């Protein structure tokens, strides 16, 4: 009895990790649907003021990551939380 030739093993293709920030505003009562998205973030909902604050926070966060020569995929959660907190308008 002859053996069938074995098939070469297939390895799963390497998938690069993709990171994205997601912001959700819950204080909308004017009926507008607000959505803002960028290369690595999506913001939805919120009042006009809340949505604007989320947008400003995310923009400043990515600017700070760039200044630190860091990428969202590689920054530690604690460091990201600190950057987000410092980037939030008061």
N, C-alpha and C. Protein backbone atom coordinates (compact mmCIF):
# COMPACT_ATOMS: atom_id res chain seq x y z
N UNK A 1 0.83 -1.17 0.00
CA UNK A 1 0.00 0.00 0.00
C UNK A 1 0.88 1.24 0.00
N UNK A 2 0.63 2.15 -0.92
CA UNK A 2 1.47 3.35 -0.99
C UNK A 2 0.84 4.48 -0.19
N UNK A 3 1.71 5.29 0.37
CA UNK A 3 1.24 6.43 1.15
C UNK A 3 1.02 7.61 0.21
N UNK A 4 0.02 8.40 0.54
CA UNK A 4 -0.20 9.64 -0.20
C UNK A 4 0.86 10.64 0.24
N UNK A 5 1.33 11.43 -0.69
CA UNK A 5 2.30 12.45 -0.28
C UNK A 5 1.62 13.44 0.66
N UNK A 6 2.34 13.81 1.69
CA UNK A 6 1.76 14.76 2.64
C UNK A 6 1.77 16.17 2.05
N UNK A 7 0.74 16.89 2.40
CA UNK A 7 0.64 18.27 1.94
C UNK A 7 1.54 19.14 2.80
N UNK A 8 2.12 20.16 2.21
CA UNK A 8 2.92 21.06 3.03
C UNK A 8 2.02 21.76 4.04
N UNK A 9 2.54 21.96 5.23
CA UNK A 9 1.72 22.61 6.25
C UNK A 9 1.52 24.07 5.88
N UNK A 10 0.35 24.53 6.16
CA UNK A 10 0.03 25.92 5.87
C UNK A 10 0.04 26.69 7.17
N UNK A 11 0.82 27.72 7.19
CA UNK A 11 0.86 28.59 8.36
C UNK A 11 -0.10 29.74 8.12
N UNK A 12 -0.71 30.16 9.19
CA UNK A 12 -1.60 31.31 9.09
C UNK A 12 -0.79 32.53 8.71
N UNK A 13 -1.32 33.36 7.83
CA UNK A 13 -0.58 34.56 7.46
C UNK A 13 -0.43 35.47 8.67
N UNK A 14 0.68 36.18 8.69
CA UNK A 14 0.91 37.12 9.79
C UNK A 14 -0.05 38.29 9.64
N UNK A 15 -0.68 38.61 10.72
CA UNK A 15 -1.61 39.73 10.72
C UNK A 15 -1.03 40.81 11.61
N UNK A 16 -0.89 41.98 11.06
CA UNK A 16 -0.35 43.06 11.88
C UNK A 16 -1.45 43.56 12.81
N UNK A 17 -1.05 43.86 14.02
CA UNK A 17 -2.01 44.34 15.00
C UNK A 17 -2.46 45.74 14.62
N UNK A 18 -3.73 45.97 14.67
CA UNK A 18 -4.26 47.29 14.40
C UNK A 18 -4.92 47.80 15.66
N UNK A 19 -4.54 48.98 16.04
CA UNK A 19 -5.12 49.60 17.23
C UNK A 19 -5.94 50.79 16.81
N UNK A 20 -6.99 51.03 17.54
CA UNK A 20 -7.86 52.16 17.26
C UNK A 20 -8.48 52.65 18.55
N UNK A 21 -8.57 53.96 18.69
CA UNK A 21 -9.28 54.56 19.82
C UNK A 21 -10.74 54.74 19.41
N UNK A 22 -11.64 54.44 20.33
CA UNK A 22 -13.07 54.62 20.08
C UNK A 22 -13.63 55.47 21.21
N UNK A 23 -14.32 56.54 20.86
CA UNK A 23 -14.96 57.40 21.85
C UNK A 23 -16.45 57.42 21.62
N UNK A 24 -17.19 57.33 22.73
CA UNK A 24 -18.65 57.34 22.64
C UNK A 24 -19.19 58.41 23.59
N UNK A 25 -19.92 59.36 23.03
CA UNK A 25 -20.57 60.39 23.83
C UNK A 25 -22.02 59.99 24.06
N UNK A 26 -22.46 60.11 25.31
CA UNK A 26 -23.81 59.64 25.65
C UNK A 26 -24.77 60.75 26.05
N UNK A 27 -24.34 62.01 25.92
CA UNK A 27 -25.18 63.10 26.42
C UNK A 27 -25.92 63.86 25.31
N UNK A 28 -26.19 63.21 24.20
CA UNK A 28 -26.86 63.87 23.08
C UNK A 28 -28.37 63.85 23.28
N UNK A 29 -28.97 65.05 23.22
CA UNK A 29 -30.44 65.10 23.28
C UNK A 29 -31.01 65.99 22.19
N UNK A 30 -30.18 66.36 21.18
CA UNK A 30 -30.67 67.23 20.12
C UNK A 30 -30.99 66.48 18.83
N UNK A 31 -30.81 65.15 18.82
CA UNK A 31 -31.17 64.36 17.66
C UNK A 31 -30.13 64.28 16.56
N UNK A 32 -29.03 65.04 16.69
CA UNK A 32 -27.97 64.97 15.67
C UNK A 32 -27.15 63.71 15.84
N UNK A 33 -26.74 63.13 14.73
CA UNK A 33 -25.86 61.96 14.77
C UNK A 33 -24.46 62.45 14.39
N UNK A 34 -23.57 62.43 15.36
CA UNK A 34 -22.22 62.93 15.15
C UNK A 34 -21.26 61.75 15.04
N UNK A 35 -20.47 61.73 13.98
CA UNK A 35 -19.46 60.70 13.78
C UNK A 35 -18.21 61.38 13.22
N UNK A 36 -17.10 61.16 13.85
CA UNK A 36 -15.82 61.66 13.37
C UNK A 36 -14.85 60.50 13.38
N UNK A 37 -14.16 60.30 12.25
CA UNK A 37 -13.21 59.19 12.23
C UNK A 37 -11.93 59.63 11.55
N UNK A 38 -10.87 58.95 11.92
CA UNK A 38 -9.56 59.19 11.34
C UNK A 38 -8.87 57.86 11.14
N UNK A 39 -7.59 57.92 10.85
CA UNK A 39 -6.85 56.70 10.54
C UNK A 39 -6.89 55.69 11.69
N UNK A 40 -6.82 56.17 12.93
CA UNK A 40 -6.80 55.24 14.07
C UNK A 40 -7.79 55.62 15.16
N UNK A 41 -8.87 56.28 14.79
CA UNK A 41 -9.88 56.60 15.80
C UNK A 41 -11.25 56.75 15.18
N UNK A 42 -12.26 56.52 16.01
CA UNK A 42 -13.65 56.76 15.64
C UNK A 42 -14.35 57.34 16.86
N UNK A 43 -15.06 58.43 16.67
CA UNK A 43 -15.83 59.07 17.73
C UNK A 43 -17.28 59.12 17.30
N UNK A 44 -18.18 58.72 18.18
CA UNK A 44 -19.61 58.74 17.85
C UNK A 44 -20.40 59.34 18.99
N UNK A 45 -21.47 60.03 18.61
CA UNK A 45 -22.43 60.52 19.58
C UNK A 45 -21.96 61.73 20.35
N UNK A 46 -22.72 62.01 21.39
CA UNK A 46 -22.43 63.14 22.26
C UNK A 46 -23.07 64.42 21.77
N UNK A 47 -23.19 65.36 22.69
CA UNK A 47 -23.65 66.69 22.33
C UNK A 47 -22.57 67.35 21.48
N UNK A 48 -22.88 68.50 20.91
CA UNK A 48 -21.89 69.21 20.10
C UNK A 48 -20.64 69.49 20.94
N UNK A 49 -20.83 69.94 22.17
CA UNK A 49 -19.69 70.26 23.06
C UNK A 49 -18.88 69.01 23.39
N UNK A 50 -19.55 67.93 23.74
CA UNK A 50 -18.85 66.69 24.09
C UNK A 50 -18.08 66.14 22.89
N UNK A 51 -18.71 66.14 21.74
CA UNK A 51 -18.06 65.61 20.54
C UNK A 51 -16.82 66.45 20.19
N UNK A 52 -16.93 67.74 20.33
CA UNK A 52 -15.80 68.63 20.08
C UNK A 52 -14.66 68.34 21.06
N UNK A 53 -14.99 68.13 22.33
CA UNK A 53 -13.96 67.81 23.34
C UNK A 53 -13.29 66.47 23.04
N UNK A 54 -14.08 65.46 22.64
CA UNK A 54 -13.50 64.17 22.29
C UNK A 54 -12.55 64.32 21.11
N UNK A 55 -12.96 65.10 20.10
CA UNK A 55 -12.14 65.30 18.92
C UNK A 55 -10.83 65.99 19.28
N UNK A 56 -10.91 67.04 20.08
CA UNK A 56 -9.71 67.76 20.49
C UNK A 56 -8.78 66.85 21.30
N UNK A 57 -9.35 66.04 22.17
CA UNK A 57 -8.56 65.12 22.98
C UNK A 57 -7.80 64.13 22.11
N UNK A 58 -8.47 63.54 21.14
CA UNK A 58 -7.83 62.55 20.28
C UNK A 58 -6.74 63.19 19.43
N UNK A 59 -7.00 64.37 18.88
CA UNK A 59 -5.99 65.04 18.07
C UNK A 59 -4.75 65.34 18.90
N UNK A 60 -4.94 65.89 20.09
CA UNK A 60 -3.81 66.21 20.96
C UNK A 60 -3.07 64.94 21.39
N UNK A 61 -3.81 63.86 21.59
CA UNK A 61 -3.20 62.58 21.98
C UNK A 61 -2.26 62.08 20.89
N UNK A 62 -2.74 62.10 19.64
CA UNK A 62 -1.89 61.64 18.54
C UNK A 62 -0.70 62.57 18.30
N UNK A 63 -0.89 63.87 18.54
CA UNK A 63 0.24 64.80 18.44
C UNK A 63 1.30 64.46 19.49
N UNK A 64 0.86 64.17 20.71
CA UNK A 64 1.80 63.82 21.78
C UNK A 64 2.51 62.50 21.49
N UNK A 65 1.78 61.52 20.98
CA UNK A 65 2.42 60.26 20.60
C UNK A 65 3.50 60.50 19.55
N UNK A 66 3.21 61.37 18.60
CA UNK A 66 4.18 61.68 17.55
C UNK A 66 5.41 62.35 18.15
N UNK A 67 5.19 63.31 19.08
CA UNK A 67 6.32 63.98 19.73
C UNK A 67 7.20 62.98 20.47
N UNK A 68 6.58 61.96 21.04
CA UNK A 68 7.32 60.94 21.79
C UNK A 68 7.87 59.84 20.87
N UNK A 69 7.60 59.97 19.59
CA UNK A 69 8.01 58.97 18.60
C UNK A 69 7.45 57.59 18.96
N UNK A 70 6.16 57.59 19.31
CA UNK A 70 5.46 56.36 19.70
C UNK A 70 4.29 56.15 18.76
N UNK A 71 3.84 54.91 18.69
CA UNK A 71 2.66 54.56 17.90
C UNK A 71 1.61 53.97 18.83
N UNK A 72 0.37 54.12 18.47
CA UNK A 72 -0.72 53.63 19.29
C UNK A 72 -0.57 52.14 19.57
N UNK A 73 -0.08 51.38 18.58
CA UNK A 73 0.06 49.92 18.73
C UNK A 73 1.10 49.54 19.78
N UNK A 74 2.04 50.43 20.05
CA UNK A 74 3.15 50.06 20.92
C UNK A 74 3.14 50.73 22.28
N UNK A 75 2.31 51.73 22.46
CA UNK A 75 2.28 52.45 23.74
C UNK A 75 1.57 51.60 24.80
N UNK A 76 2.11 51.62 26.00
CA UNK A 76 1.51 50.88 27.11
C UNK A 76 0.19 51.54 27.52
N UNK A 77 -0.78 50.74 27.96
CA UNK A 77 -2.09 51.31 28.36
C UNK A 77 -1.99 52.41 29.41
N UNK A 78 -1.12 52.26 30.38
CA UNK A 78 -0.97 53.28 31.44
C UNK A 78 -0.46 54.58 30.85
N UNK A 79 0.53 54.49 29.97
CA UNK A 79 1.08 55.70 29.33
C UNK A 79 0.01 56.36 28.46
N UNK A 80 -0.76 55.56 27.72
CA UNK A 80 -1.82 56.10 26.88
C UNK A 80 -2.88 56.80 27.74
N UNK A 81 -3.24 56.19 28.85
CA UNK A 81 -4.22 56.81 29.75
C UNK A 81 -3.72 58.16 30.27
N UNK A 82 -2.44 58.22 30.61
CA UNK A 82 -1.85 59.49 31.08
C UNK A 82 -1.90 60.55 29.98
N UNK A 83 -1.55 60.15 28.76
CA UNK A 83 -1.56 61.09 27.63
C UNK A 83 -2.98 61.58 27.36
N UNK A 84 -3.94 60.66 27.35
CA UNK A 84 -5.35 61.04 27.13
C UNK A 84 -5.82 62.02 28.20
N UNK A 85 -5.47 61.73 29.45
CA UNK A 85 -5.89 62.60 30.56
C UNK A 85 -5.31 64.01 30.38
N UNK A 86 -4.03 64.08 30.04
CA UNK A 86 -3.37 65.39 29.86
C UNK A 86 -3.87 66.11 28.61
N UNK A 87 -4.36 65.38 27.63
CA UNK A 87 -4.83 65.95 26.38
C UNK A 87 -6.27 66.42 26.42
N UNK A 88 -7.00 66.04 27.46
CA UNK A 88 -8.41 66.40 27.58
C UNK A 88 -8.56 67.87 27.96
N UNK A 89 -9.31 68.66 27.16
CA UNK A 89 -9.50 70.08 27.50
C UNK A 89 -10.27 70.20 28.82
N UNK A 90 -9.89 71.19 29.57
CA UNK A 90 -10.55 71.44 30.88
C UNK A 90 -11.67 72.41 30.76
